[in-house]
Amino acid sequence: MTPPEKDDKNALQPRGRRRVPVDYPAFFTGDEGSGHGTVTNLTIAGCEIQSHAQPPIGAGLSLRVQAPEARPPIVITRAVVRWKNDDRFGLEFVRFGGRTKEQLEDMLNQREGPAED
């Protein structure tokens, strides 16, 4: 496996939040084009997507995630590609529309279960 390409000023950093493993279909679009894939892990700050479409590092995207327990879909109005590795890339969430952030927090709290010490 090759090391991930990364945006130097936003090099991969240890996460302050636990990643929640998921398997949610997603559609993304931006100035560089659009595509679909699968969200494989999720936090309130971002996600990892597996996809054949590979937007460049630094690209701004909007993202629509269809989680089974979420109605309507989760829509991130602005996310930025921070890293890429093979058929996966990482997004940082920048702007949420409406109540999306609260909806995402509720969903993550249900998926994570009780906090660990």
PDB file of N, CA and C in Angstrom:
ATOM      1  N   MET A   1       0.846  -1.180   0.000  1.00  0.00           N
ATOM      2  CA  MET A   1       0.000   0.000   0.000  1.00  0.00           C
ATOM      3  C   MET A   1       0.884   1.234   0.000  1.00  0.00           C
ATOM      4  N   THR A   2       0.585   2.180  -0.861  1.00  0.00           N
ATOM      5  CA  THR A   2       1.362   3.406  -0.935  1.00  0.00           C
ATOM      6  C   THR A   2       0.906   4.389   0.124  1.00  0.00           C
ATOM      7  N   PRO A   3       1.836   5.229   0.612  1.00  0.00           N
ATOM      8  CA  PRO A   3       1.410   6.227   1.608  1.00  0.00           C
ATOM      9  C   PRO A   3       0.455   7.219   0.968  1.00  0.00           C
ATOM     10  N   PRO A   4      -0.466   7.755   1.753  1.00  0.00           N
ATOM     11  CA  PRO A   4      -1.427   8.702   1.184  1.00  0.00           C
ATOM     12  C   PRO A   4      -0.764   9.993   0.753  1.00  0.00           C
ATOM     13  N   GLU A   5      -1.248  10.543  -0.372  1.00  0.00           N
ATOM     14  CA  GLU A   5      -0.849  11.890  -0.743  1.00  0.00           C
ATOM     15  C   GLU A   5      -1.549  12.814   0.244  1.00  0.00           C
ATOM     16  N   LYS A   6      -0.892  13.910   0.589  1.00  0.00           N
ATOM     17  CA  LYS A   6      -1.541  14.815   1.526  1.00  0.00           C
ATOM     18  C   LYS A   6      -1.237  16.256   1.200  1.00  0.00           C
ATOM     19  N   ASP A   7      -2.120  17.094   1.621  1.00  0.00           N
ATOM     20  CA  ASP A   7      -1.974  18.530   1.510  1.00  0.00           C
ATOM     21  C   ASP A   7      -0.989  18.924   2.619  1.00  0.00           C
ATOM     22  N   ASP A   8       0.200  19.444   2.258  1.00  0.00           N
ATOM     23  CA  ASP A   8       1.253  19.686   3.238  1.00  0.00           C
ATOM     24  C   ASP A   8       0.813  20.513   4.436  1.00  0.00           C
ATOM     25  N   LYS A   9       0.044  21.586   4.202  1.00  0.00           N
ATOM     26  CA  LYS A   9      -0.351  22.425   5.333  1.00  0.00           C
ATOM     27  C   LYS A   9      -1.426  21.745   6.176  1.00  0.00           C
ATOM     28  N   ASN A  10      -2.017  20.677   5.663  1.00  0.00           N
ATOM     29  CA  ASN A  10      -3.026  19.931   6.410  1.00  0.00           C
ATOM     30  C   ASN A  10      -2.632  18.460   6.479  1.00  0.00           C
ATOM     31  N   ALA A  11      -1.371  18.216   6.817  1.00  0.00           N
ATOM     32  CA  ALA A  11      -0.873  16.853   6.891  1.00  0.00           C
ATOM     33  C   ALA A  11      -1.736  16.041   7.855  1.00  0.00           C
ATOM     34  N   LEU A  12      -1.764  14.733   7.613  1.00  0.00           N
ATOM     35  CA  LEU A  12      -2.573  13.866   8.467  1.00  0.00           C
ATOM     36  C   LEU A  12      -2.178  14.053   9.919  1.00  0.00           C
ATOM     37  N   GLN A  13      -3.147  14.292  10.754  1.00  0.00           N
ATOM     38  CA  GLN A  13      -2.942  14.538  12.173  1.00  0.00           C
ATOM     39  C   GLN A  13      -3.725  13.497  12.965  1.00  0.00           C
ATOM     40  N   PRO A  14      -3.288  13.182  14.173  1.00  0.00           N
ATOM     41  CA  PRO A  14      -4.101  12.295  15.006  1.00  0.00           C
ATOM     42  C   PRO A  14      -5.486  12.906  15.208  1.00  0.00           C
ATOM     43  N   ARG A  15      -6.483  12.084  15.225  1.00  0.00           N
ATOM     44  CA  ARG A  15      -7.855  12.553  15.335  1.00  0.00           C
ATOM     45  C   ARG A  15      -8.229  12.791  16.789  1.00  0.00           C
ATOM     46  N   GLY A  16      -8.988  13.866  17.017  1.00  0.00           N
ATOM     47  CA  GLY A  16      -9.490  14.154  18.347  1.00  0.00           C
ATOM     48  C   GLY A  16     -10.793  13.416  18.608  1.00  0.00           C
ATOM     49  N   ARG A  17     -11.421  12.913  17.552  1.00  0.00           N
ATOM     50  CA  ARG A  17     -12.693  12.209  17.685  1.00  0.00           C
ATOM     51  C   ARG A  17     -12.554  10.810  17.109  1.00  0.00           C
ATOM     52  N   ARG A  18     -13.289   9.907  17.698  1.00  0.00           N
ATOM     53  CA  ARG A  18     -13.304   8.542  17.222  1.00  0.00           C
ATOM     54  C   ARG A  18     -13.977   8.451  15.860  1.00  0.00           C
ATOM     55  N   ARG A  19     -13.388   7.693  14.965  1.00  0.00           N
ATOM     56  CA  ARG A  19     -14.021   7.433  13.677  1.00  0.00           C
ATOM     57  C   ARG A  19     -15.053   6.334  13.851  1.00  0.00           C
ATOM     58  N   VAL A  20     -16.196   6.533  13.234  1.00  0.00           N
ATOM     59  CA  VAL A  20     -17.265   5.538  13.301  1.00  0.00           C
ATOM     60  C   VAL A  20     -17.301   4.800  11.966  1.00  0.00           C
ATOM     61  N   PRO A  21     -17.056   3.478  11.963  1.00  0.00           N
ATOM     62  CA  PRO A  21     -17.125   2.736  10.710  1.00  0.00           C
ATOM     63  C   PRO A  21     -18.569   2.676  10.208  1.00  0.00           C
ATOM     64  N   VAL A  22     -18.766   2.985   8.925  1.00  0.00           N
ATOM     65  CA  VAL A  22     -20.091   2.962   8.315  1.00  0.00           C
ATOM     66  C   VAL A  22     -19.965   2.400   6.901  1.00  0.00           C
ATOM     67  N   ASP A  23     -21.081   2.203   6.258  1.00  0.00           N
ATOM     68  CA  ASP A  23     -21.136   1.727   4.874  1.00  0.00           C
ATOM     69  C   ASP A  23     -22.330   2.418   4.219  1.00  0.00           C
ATOM     70  N   TYR A  24     -22.152   3.721   3.895  1.00  0.00           N
ATOM     71  CA  TYR A  24     -23.242   4.540   3.398  1.00  0.00           C
ATOM     72  C   TYR A  24     -22.966   4.998   1.971  1.00  0.00           C
ATOM     73  N   PRO A  25     -23.944   4.872   1.083  1.00  0.00           N
ATOM     74  CA  PRO A  25     -23.766   5.415  -0.260  1.00  0.00           C
ATOM     75  C   PRO A  25     -23.683   6.937  -0.220  1.00  0.00           C
ATOM     76  N   ALA A  26     -22.847   7.487  -1.115  1.00  0.00           N
ATOM     77  CA  ALA A  26     -22.651   8.933  -1.147  1.00  0.00           C
ATOM     78  C   ALA A  26     -22.506   9.414  -2.586  1.00  0.00           C
ATOM     79  N   PHE A  27     -22.921  10.656  -2.811  1.00  0.00           N
ATOM     80  CA  PHE A  27     -22.750  11.323  -4.098  1.00  0.00           C
ATOM     81  C   PHE A  27     -22.080  12.657  -3.820  1.00  0.00           C
ATOM     82  N   PHE A  28     -21.057  12.988  -4.605  1.00  0.00           N
ATOM     83  CA  PHE A  28     -20.362  14.253  -4.403  1.00  0.00           C
ATOM     84  C   PHE A  28     -20.228  14.982  -5.731  1.00  0.00           C
ATOM     85  N   THR A  29     -20.180  16.304  -5.637  1.00  0.00           N
ATOM     86  CA  THR A  29     -20.039  17.136  -6.823  1.00  0.00           C
ATOM     87  C   THR A  29     -19.227  18.377  -6.480  1.00  0.00           C
ATOM     88  N   GLY A  30     -18.486  18.857  -7.469  1.00  0.00           N
ATOM     89  CA  GLY A  30     -17.667  20.046  -7.285  1.00  0.00           C
ATOM     90  C   GLY A  30     -17.201  20.566  -8.622  1.00  0.00           C
ATOM     91  N   ASP A  31     -16.334  21.568  -8.598  1.00  0.00           N
ATOM     92  CA  ASP A  31     -15.829  22.162  -9.830  1.00  0.00           C
ATOM     93  C   ASP A  31     -15.044  21.162 -10.679  1.00  0.00           C
ATOM     94  N   GLU A  32     -14.462  20.164 -10.033  1.00  0.00           N
ATOM     95  CA  GLU A  32     -13.647  19.170 -10.732  1.00  0.00           C
ATOM     96  C   GLU A  32     -14.477  18.010 -11.281  1.00  0.00           C
ATOM     97  N   GLY A  33     -15.794  18.045 -11.101  1.00  0.00           N
ATOM     98  CA  GLY A  33     -16.654  16.971 -11.571  1.00  0.00           C
ATOM     99  C   GLY A  33     -17.462  16.374 -10.439  1.00  0.00           C
ATOM    100  N   SER A  34     -18.049  15.224 -10.705  1.00  0.00           N
ATOM    101  CA  SER A  34     -18.879  14.573  -9.696  1.00  0.00           C
ATOM    102  C   SER A  34     -18.614  13.078  -9.718  1.00  0.00           C
ATOM    103  N   GLY A  35     -19.136  12.411  -8.703  1.00  0.00           N
ATOM    104  CA  GLY A  35     -18.961  10.967  -8.616  1.00  0.00           C
ATOM    105  C   GLY A  35     -19.766  10.406  -7.473  1.00  0.00           C
ATOM    106  N   HIS A  36     -19.674   9.101  -7.318  1.00  0.00           N
ATOM    107  CA  HIS A  36     -20.352   8.429  -6.210  1.00  0.00           C
ATOM    108  C   HIS A  36     -19.380   7.434  -5.590  1.00  0.00           C
ATOM    109  N   GLY A  37     -19.693   7.052  -4.379  1.00  0.00           N
ATOM    110  CA  GLY A  37     -18.847   6.113  -3.671  1.00  0.00           C
ATOM    111  C   GLY A  37     -19.513   5.667  -2.391  1.00  0.00           C
ATOM    112  N   THR A  38     -18.699   5.177  -1.480  1.00  0.00           N
ATOM    113  CA  THR A  38     -19.183   4.682  -0.198  1.00  0.00           C
ATOM    114  C   THR A  38     -18.417   5.353   0.923  1.00  0.00           C
ATOM    115  N   VAL A  39     -19.144   5.968   1.862  1.00  0.00           N
ATOM    116  CA  VAL A  39     -18.516   6.511   3.062  1.00  0.00           C
ATOM    117  C   VAL A  39     -18.174   5.307   3.947  1.00  0.00           C
ATOM    118  N   THR A  40     -16.887   5.169   4.293  1.00  0.00           N
ATOM    119  CA  THR A  40     -16.442   4.009   5.075  1.00  0.00           C
ATOM    120  C   THR A  40     -16.181   4.337   6.539  1.00  0.00           C
ATOM    121  N   ASN A  41     -15.921   5.606   6.851  1.00  0.00           N
ATOM    122  CA  ASN A  41     -15.875   6.025   8.249  1.00  0.00           C
ATOM    123  C   ASN A  41     -16.231   7.493   8.317  1.00  0.00           C
ATOM    124  N   LEU A  42     -16.710   7.891   9.496  1.00  0.00           N
ATOM    125  CA  LEU A  42     -17.353   9.187   9.626  1.00  0.00           C
ATOM    126  C   LEU A  42     -17.092   9.769  11.007  1.00  0.00           C
ATOM    127  N   THR A  43     -16.848  11.081  11.044  1.00  0.00           N
ATOM    128  CA  THR A  43     -16.817  11.842  12.289  1.00  0.00           C
ATOM    129  C   THR A  43     -17.612  13.120  12.030  1.00  0.00           C
ATOM    130  N   ILE A  44     -17.783  13.932  13.046  1.00  0.00           N
ATOM    131  CA  ILE A  44     -18.478  15.196  12.860  1.00  0.00           C
ATOM    132  C   ILE A  44     -17.623  16.147  12.012  1.00  0.00           C
ATOM    133  N   ALA A  45     -16.314  15.904  11.932  1.00  0.00           N
ATOM    134  CA  ALA A  45     -15.405  16.792  11.211  1.00  0.00           C
ATOM    135  C   ALA A  45     -15.098  16.350   9.780  1.00  0.00           C
ATOM    136  N   GLY A  46     -15.441  15.100   9.423  1.00  0.00           N
ATOM    137  CA  GLY A  46     -15.115  14.637   8.085  1.00  0.00           C
ATOM    138  C   GLY A  46     -15.414  13.165   7.891  1.00  0.00           C
ATOM    139  N   CYS A  47     -14.941  12.649   6.750  1.00  0.00           N
ATOM    140  CA  CYS A  47     -15.199  11.250   6.435  1.00  0.00           C
ATOM    141  C   CYS A  47     -14.157  10.724   5.462  1.00  0.00           C
ATOM    142  N   GLU A  48     -14.167   9.412   5.293  1.00  0.00           N
ATOM    143  CA  GLU A  48     -13.370   8.742   4.280  1.00  0.00           C
ATOM    144  C   GLU A  48     -14.327   8.149   3.266  1.00  0.00           C
ATOM    145  N   ILE A  49     -14.005   8.301   1.981  1.00  0.00           N
ATOM    146  CA  ILE A  49     -14.853   7.785   0.906  1.00  0.00           C
ATOM    147  C   ILE A  49     -14.042   6.852   0.024  1.00  0.00           C
ATOM    148  N   GLN A  50     -14.630   5.713  -0.303  1.00  0.00           N
ATOM    149  CA  GLN A  50     -14.054   4.805  -1.281  1.00  0.00           C
ATOM    150  C   GLN A  50     -14.796   5.047  -2.593  1.00  0.00           C
ATOM    151  N   SER A  51     -14.029   5.339  -3.663  1.00  0.00           N
ATOM    152  CA  SER A  51     -14.653   5.683  -4.943  1.00  0.00           C
ATOM    153  C   SER A  51     -13.650   5.554  -6.079  1.00  0.00           C
ATOM    154  N   HIS A  52     -14.153   5.230  -7.266  1.00  0.00           N
ATOM    155  CA  HIS A  52     -13.299   5.233  -8.458  1.00  0.00           C
ATOM    156  C   HIS A  52     -13.024   6.665  -8.902  1.00  0.00           C
ATOM    157  N   ALA A  53     -13.927   7.589  -8.623  1.00  0.00           N
ATOM    158  CA  ALA A  53     -13.724   9.005  -8.918  1.00  0.00           C
ATOM    159  C   ALA A  53     -12.771   9.564  -7.869  1.00  0.00           C
ATOM    160  N   GLN A  54     -11.748  10.272  -8.295  1.00  0.00           N
ATOM    161  CA  GLN A  54     -10.744  10.788  -7.375  1.00  0.00           C
ATOM    162  C   GLN A  54     -10.529  12.280  -7.574  1.00  0.00           C
ATOM    163  N   PRO A  55     -11.292  13.114  -6.856  1.00  0.00           N
ATOM    164  CA  PRO A  55     -11.065  14.556  -6.961  1.00  0.00           C
ATOM    165  C   PRO A  55      -9.681  14.911  -6.418  1.00  0.00           C
ATOM    166  N   PRO A  56      -9.071  15.971  -6.906  1.00  0.00           N
ATOM    167  CA  PRO A  56      -7.728  16.350  -6.448  1.00  0.00           C
ATOM    168  C   PRO A  56      -7.728  16.885  -5.013  1.00  0.00           C
ATOM    169  N   ILE A  57      -6.586  16.753  -4.370  1.00  0.00           N
ATOM    170  CA  ILE A  57      -6.413  17.311  -3.027  1.00  0.00           C
ATOM    171  C   ILE A  57      -6.658  18.818  -3.096  1.00  0.00           C
ATOM    172  N   GLY A  58      -7.434  19.318  -2.149  1.00  0.00           N
ATOM    173  CA  GLY A  58      -7.769  20.734  -2.103  1.00  0.00           C
ATOM    174  C   GLY A  58      -9.078  21.077  -2.800  1.00  0.00           C
ATOM    175  N   ALA A  59      -9.643  20.107  -3.538  1.00  0.00           N
ATOM    176  CA  ALA A  59     -10.900  20.363  -4.247  1.00  0.00           C
ATOM    177  C   ALA A  59     -12.037  20.570  -3.255  1.00  0.00           C
ATOM    178  N   GLY A  60     -12.909  21.519  -3.551  1.00  0.00           N
ATOM    179  CA  GLY A  60     -14.107  21.757  -2.760  1.00  0.00           C
ATOM    180  C   GLY A  60     -15.265  20.966  -3.345  1.00  0.00           C
ATOM    181  N   LEU A  61     -15.999  20.298  -2.497  1.00  0.00           N
ATOM    182  CA  LEU A  61     -17.109  19.451  -2.925  1.00  0.00           C
ATOM    183  C   LEU A  61     -18.345  19.715  -2.086  1.00  0.00           C
ATOM    184  N   SER A  62     -19.501  19.357  -2.626  1.00  0.00           N
ATOM    185  CA  SER A  62     -20.693  19.181  -1.803  1.00  0.00           C
ATOM    186  C   SER A  62     -20.927  17.674  -1.749  1.00  0.00           C
ATOM    187  N   LEU A  63     -21.479  17.217  -0.656  1.00  0.00           N
ATOM    188  CA  LEU A  63     -21.601  15.782  -0.401  1.00  0.00           C
ATOM    189  C   LEU A  63     -23.001  15.460   0.080  1.00  0.00           C
ATOM    190  N   ARG A  64     -23.565  14.386  -0.456  1.00  0.00           N
ATOM    191  CA  ARG A  64     -24.883  13.898  -0.044  1.00  0.00           C
ATOM    192  C   ARG A  64     -24.704  12.446   0.378  1.00  0.00           C
ATOM    193  N   VAL A  65     -25.015  12.155   1.657  1.00  0.00           N
ATOM    194  CA  VAL A  65     -24.836  10.817   2.222  1.00  0.00           C
ATOM    195  C   VAL A  65     -26.200  10.266   2.601  1.00  0.00           C
ATOM    196  N   GLN A  66     -26.479   9.055   2.145  1.00  0.00           N
ATOM    197  CA  GLN A  66     -27.758   8.413   2.472  1.00  0.00           C
ATOM    198  C   GLN A  66     -27.534   7.336   3.532  1.00  0.00           C
ATOM    199  N   ALA A  67     -27.634   7.737   4.786  1.00  0.00           N
ATOM    200  CA  ALA A  67     -27.542   6.784   5.886  1.00  0.00           C
ATOM    201  C   ALA A  67     -28.918   6.182   6.113  1.00  0.00           C
ATOM    202  N   PRO A  68     -29.014   4.878   6.354  1.00  0.00           N
ATOM    203  CA  PRO A  68     -30.323   4.246   6.522  1.00  0.00           C
ATOM    204  C   PRO A  68     -31.183   4.895   7.598  1.00  0.00           C
ATOM    205  N   GLU A  69     -30.553   5.339   8.699  1.00  0.00           N
ATOM    206  CA  GLU A  69     -31.334   5.920   9.794  1.00  0.00           C
ATOM    207  C   GLU A  69     -31.547   7.420   9.633  1.00  0.00           C
ATOM    208  N   ALA A  70     -31.009   8.015   8.565  1.00  0.00           N
ATOM    209  CA  ALA A  70     -31.126   9.461   8.373  1.00  0.00           C
ATOM    210  C   ALA A  70     -32.157   9.773   7.293  1.00  0.00           C
ATOM    211  N   ARG A  71     -33.136  10.550   7.661  1.00  0.00           N
ATOM    212  CA  ARG A  71     -34.115  11.033   6.702  1.00  0.00           C
ATOM    213  C   ARG A  71     -34.327  12.503   6.985  1.00  0.00           C
ATOM    214  N   PRO A  72     -34.098  13.371   6.085  1.00  0.00           N
ATOM    215  CA  PRO A  72     -33.597  13.202   4.726  1.00  0.00           C
ATOM    216  C   PRO A  72     -32.099  12.897   4.712  1.00  0.00           C
ATOM    217  N   PRO A  73     -31.498  12.743   3.514  1.00  0.00           N
ATOM    218  CA  PRO A  73     -30.058  12.483   3.443  1.00  0.00           C
ATOM    219  C   PRO A  73     -29.262  13.583   4.143  1.00  0.00           C
ATOM    220  N   ILE A  74     -28.067  13.235   4.570  1.00  0.00           N
ATOM    221  CA  ILE A  74     -27.149  14.206   5.160  1.00  0.00           C
ATOM    222  C   ILE A  74     -26.491  14.955   4.007  1.00  0.00           C
ATOM    223  N   VAL A  75     -26.593  16.286   4.027  1.00  0.00           N
ATOM    224  CA  VAL A  75     -26.017  17.103   2.954  1.00  0.00           C
ATOM    225  C   VAL A  75     -24.975  18.041   3.564  1.00  0.00           C
ATOM    226  N   ILE A  76     -23.735  17.861   3.135  1.00  0.00           N
ATOM    227  CA  ILE A  76     -22.647  18.747   3.525  1.00  0.00           C
ATOM    228  C   ILE A  76     -22.479  19.721   2.366  1.00  0.00           C
ATOM    229  N   THR A  77     -22.692  21.002   2.624  1.00  0.00           N
ATOM    230  CA  THR A  77     -22.676  21.967   1.527  1.00  0.00           C
ATOM    231  C   THR A  77     -21.258  22.297   1.066  1.00  0.00           C
ATOM    232  N   ARG A  78     -20.267  22.103   1.935  1.00  0.00           N
ATOM    233  CA  ARG A  78     -18.876  22.351   1.542  1.00  0.00           C
ATOM    234  C   ARG A  78     -17.965  21.420   2.316  1.00  0.00           C
ATOM    235  N   ALA A  79     -17.172  20.649   1.570  1.00  0.00           N
ATOM    236  CA  ALA A  79     -16.139  19.779   2.140  1.00  0.00           C
ATOM    237  C   ALA A  79     -14.901  19.929   1.265  1.00  0.00           C
ATOM    238  N   VAL A  80     -13.728  19.674   1.843  1.00  0.00           N
ATOM    239  CA  VAL A  80     -12.474  19.817   1.114  1.00  0.00           C
ATOM    240  C   VAL A  80     -11.714  18.497   1.174  1.00  0.00           C
ATOM    241  N   VAL A  81     -11.197  18.063   0.011  1.00  0.00           N
ATOM    242  CA  VAL A  81     -10.381  16.841  -0.061  1.00  0.00           C
ATOM    243  C   VAL A  81      -9.048  17.135   0.609  1.00  0.00           C
ATOM    244  N   ARG A  82      -8.708  16.346   1.640  1.00  0.00           N
ATOM    245  CA  ARG A  82      -7.472  16.559   2.396  1.00  0.00           C
ATOM    246  C   ARG A  82      -6.397  15.523   2.106  1.00  0.00           C
ATOM    247  N   TRP A  83      -6.787  14.320   1.668  1.00  0.00           N
ATOM    248  CA  TRP A  83      -5.803  13.285   1.342  1.00  0.00           C
ATOM    249  C   TRP A  83      -6.404  12.278   0.363  1.00  0.00           C
ATOM    250  N   LYS A  84      -5.525  11.540  -0.308  1.00  0.00           N
ATOM    251  CA  LYS A  84      -5.935  10.486  -1.233  1.00  0.00           C
ATOM    252  C   LYS A  84      -4.999   9.302  -1.068  1.00  0.00           C
ATOM    253  N   ASN A  85      -5.532   8.091  -1.260  1.00  0.00           N
ATOM    254  CA  ASN A  85      -4.731   6.879  -1.222  1.00  0.00           C
ATOM    255  C   ASN A  85      -5.474   5.807  -2.000  1.00  0.00           C
ATOM    256  N   ASP A  86      -4.923   5.411  -3.143  1.00  0.00           N
ATOM    257  CA  ASP A  86      -5.544   4.423  -4.020  1.00  0.00           C
ATOM    258  C   ASP A  86      -6.969   4.860  -4.365  1.00  0.00           C
ATOM    259  N   ASP A  87      -7.964   4.057  -3.992  1.00  0.00           N
ATOM    260  CA  ASP A  87      -9.357   4.390  -4.341  1.00  0.00           C
ATOM    261  C   ASP A  87     -10.101   5.039  -3.175  1.00  0.00           C
ATOM    262  N   ARG A  88      -9.373   5.633  -2.248  1.00  0.00           N
ATOM    263  CA  ARG A  88      -9.978   6.288  -1.079  1.00  0.00           C
ATOM    264  C   ARG A  88      -9.488   7.723  -0.985  1.00  0.00           C
ATOM    265  N   PHE A  89     -10.337   8.567  -0.409  1.00  0.00           N
ATOM    266  CA  PHE A  89      -9.914   9.935  -0.121  1.00  0.00           C
ATOM    267  C   PHE A  89     -10.633  10.429   1.123  1.00  0.00           C
ATOM    268  N   GLY A  90     -10.025  11.412   1.773  1.00  0.00           N
ATOM    269  CA  GLY A  90     -10.573  11.965   3.003  1.00  0.00           C
ATOM    270  C   GLY A  90     -11.092  13.375   2.796  1.00  0.00           C
ATOM    271  N   LEU A  91     -12.252  13.636   3.381  1.00  0.00           N
ATOM    272  CA  LEU A  91     -12.866  14.956   3.314  1.00  0.00           C
ATOM    273  C   LEU A  91     -12.911  15.595   4.686  1.00  0.00           C
ATOM    274  N   GLU A  92     -12.658  16.893   4.738  1.00  0.00           N
ATOM    275  CA  GLU A  92     -12.898  17.694   5.926  1.00  0.00           C
ATOM    276  C   GLU A  92     -14.176  18.479   5.674  1.00  0.00           C
ATOM    277  N   PHE A  93     -15.125  18.390   6.609  1.00  0.00           N
ATOM    278  CA  PHE A  93     -16.375  19.130   6.475  1.00  0.00           C
ATOM    279  C   PHE A  93     -16.133  20.581   6.869  1.00  0.00           C
ATOM    280  N   VAL A  94     -16.556  21.496   5.994  1.00  0.00           N
ATOM    281  CA  VAL A  94     -16.337  22.923   6.215  1.00  0.00           C
ATOM    282  C   VAL A  94     -17.644  23.641   6.530  1.00  0.00           C
ATOM    283  N   ARG A  95     -18.713  23.306   5.801  1.00  0.00           N
ATOM    284  CA  ARG A  95     -19.987  24.008   5.996  1.00  0.00           C
ATOM    285  C   ARG A  95     -21.143  23.028   5.895  1.00  0.00           C
ATOM    286  N   PHE A  96     -22.043  23.143   6.857  1.00  0.00           N
ATOM    287  CA  PHE A  96     -23.244  22.317   6.916  1.00  0.00           C
ATOM    288  C   PHE A  96     -24.445  23.189   6.557  1.00  0.00           C
ATOM    289  N   GLY A  97     -25.439  22.608   5.924  1.00  0.00           N
ATOM    290  CA  GLY A  97     -26.673  23.333   5.632  1.00  0.00           C
ATOM    291  C   GLY A  97     -27.753  22.995   6.642  1.00  0.00           C
ATOM    292  N   GLY A  98     -28.580  23.969   6.977  1.00  0.00           N
ATOM    293  CA  GLY A  98     -29.727  23.737   7.865  1.00  0.00           C
ATOM    294  C   GLY A  98     -29.348  23.064   9.165  1.00  0.00           C
ATOM    295  N   ARG A  99     -30.058  21.981   9.489  1.00  0.00           N
ATOM    296  CA  ARG A  99     -29.822  21.232  10.732  1.00  0.00           C
ATOM    297  C   ARG A  99     -28.914  20.025  10.513  1.00  0.00           C
ATOM    298  N   THR A 100     -28.176  20.014   9.417  1.00  0.00           N
ATOM    299  CA  THR A 100     -27.362  18.852   9.067  1.00  0.00           C
ATOM    300  C   THR A 100     -26.360  18.494  10.155  1.00  0.00           C
ATOM    301  N   LYS A 101     -25.705  19.485  10.745  1.00  0.00           N
ATOM    302  CA  LYS A 101     -24.701  19.188  11.769  1.00  0.00           C
ATOM    303  C   LYS A 101     -25.337  18.487  12.965  1.00  0.00           C
ATOM    304  N   GLU A 102     -26.490  18.967  13.408  1.00  0.00           N
ATOM    305  CA  GLU A 102     -27.190  18.333  14.531  1.00  0.00           C
ATOM    306  C   GLU A 102     -27.649  16.928  14.161  1.00  0.00           C
ATOM    307  N   GLN A 103     -28.142  16.765  12.938  1.00  0.00           N
ATOM    308  CA  GLN A 103     -28.572  15.449  12.455  1.00  0.00           C
ATOM    309  C   GLN A 103     -27.383  14.478  12.459  1.00  0.00           C
ATOM    310  N   LEU A 104     -26.233  14.940  11.988  1.00  0.00           N
ATOM    311  CA  LEU A 104     -25.038  14.105  11.948  1.00  0.00           C
ATOM    312  C   LEU A 104     -24.558  13.768  13.358  1.00  0.00           C
ATOM    313  N   GLU A 105     -24.560  14.745  14.256  1.00  0.00           N
ATOM    314  CA  GLU A 105     -24.167  14.480  15.649  1.00  0.00           C
ATOM    315  C   GLU A 105     -25.073  13.434  16.289  1.00  0.00           C
ATOM    316  N   ASP A 106     -26.381  13.568  16.101  1.00  0.00           N
ATOM    317  CA  ASP A 106     -27.322  12.590  16.653  1.00  0.00           C
ATOM    318  C   ASP A 106     -27.046  11.196  16.107  1.00  0.00           C
ATOM    319  N   MET A 107     -26.831  11.102  14.810  1.00  0.00           N
ATOM    320  CA  MET A 107     -26.583   9.814  14.177  1.00  0.00           C
ATOM    321  C   MET A 107     -25.288   9.193  14.702  1.00  0.00           C
ATOM    322  N   LEU A 108     -24.226   9.989  14.813  1.00  0.00           N
ATOM    323  CA  LEU A 108     -22.949   9.473  15.314  1.00  0.00           C
ATOM    324  C   LEU A 108     -23.052   9.028  16.759  1.00  0.00           C
ATOM    325  N   ASN A 109     -23.778   9.783  17.583  1.00  0.00           N
ATOM    326  CA  ASN A 109     -23.951   9.395  18.989  1.00  0.00           C
ATOM    327  C   ASN A 109     -24.674   8.063  19.098  1.00  0.00           C
ATOM    328  N   GLN A 110     -25.641   7.800  18.244  1.00  0.00           N
ATOM    329  CA  GLN A 110     -26.355   6.526  18.253  1.00  0.00           C
ATOM    330  C   GLN A 110     -25.443   5.388  17.788  1.00  0.00           C
ATOM    331  N   ARG A 111     -24.592   5.638  16.788  1.00  0.00           N
ATOM    332  CA  ARG A 111     -23.719   4.595  16.246  1.00  0.00           C
ATOM    333  C   ARG A 111     -22.560   4.275  17.175  1.00  0.00           C
ATOM    334  N   GLU A 112     -22.027   5.305  17.872  1.00  0.00           N
ATOM    335  CA  GLU A 112     -20.845   5.103  18.707  1.00  0.00           C
ATOM    336  C   GLU A 112     -21.140   4.284  19.946  1.00  0.00           C
ATOM    337  N   GLY A 113     -22.322   4.436  20.498  1.00  0.00           N
ATOM    338  CA  GLY A 113     -22.625   3.767  21.760  1.00  0.00           C
ATOM    339  C   GLY A 113     -22.017   4.536  22.911  1.00  0.00           C
ATOM    340  N   PRO A 114     -21.955   3.919  24.107  1.00  0.00           N
ATOM    341  CA  PRO A 114     -21.434   4.633  25.270  1.00  0.00           C
ATOM    342  C   PRO A 114     -19.963   4.996  25.099  1.00  0.00           C
ATOM    343  N   ALA A 115     -19.581   6.113  25.666  1.00  0.00           N
ATOM    344  CA  ALA A 115     -18.182   6.545  25.606  1.00  0.00           C
ATOM    345  C   ALA A 115     -17.311   5.602  26.404  1.00  0.00           C
ATOM    346  N   GLU A 116     -16.078   5.413  25.907  1.00  0.00           N
ATOM    347  CA  GLU A 116     -15.127   4.546  26.607  1.00  0.00           C
ATOM    348  C   GLU A 116     -14.170   5.415  27.401  1.00  0.00           C
ATOM    349  N   ASP A 117     -13.721   4.918  28.536  1.00  0.00           N
ATOM    350  CA  ASP A 117     -12.744   5.673  29.348  1.00  0.00           C
ATOM    351  C   ASP A 117     -11.345   5.350  28.912  1.00  0.00           C
TER     352      ASP A 117
END
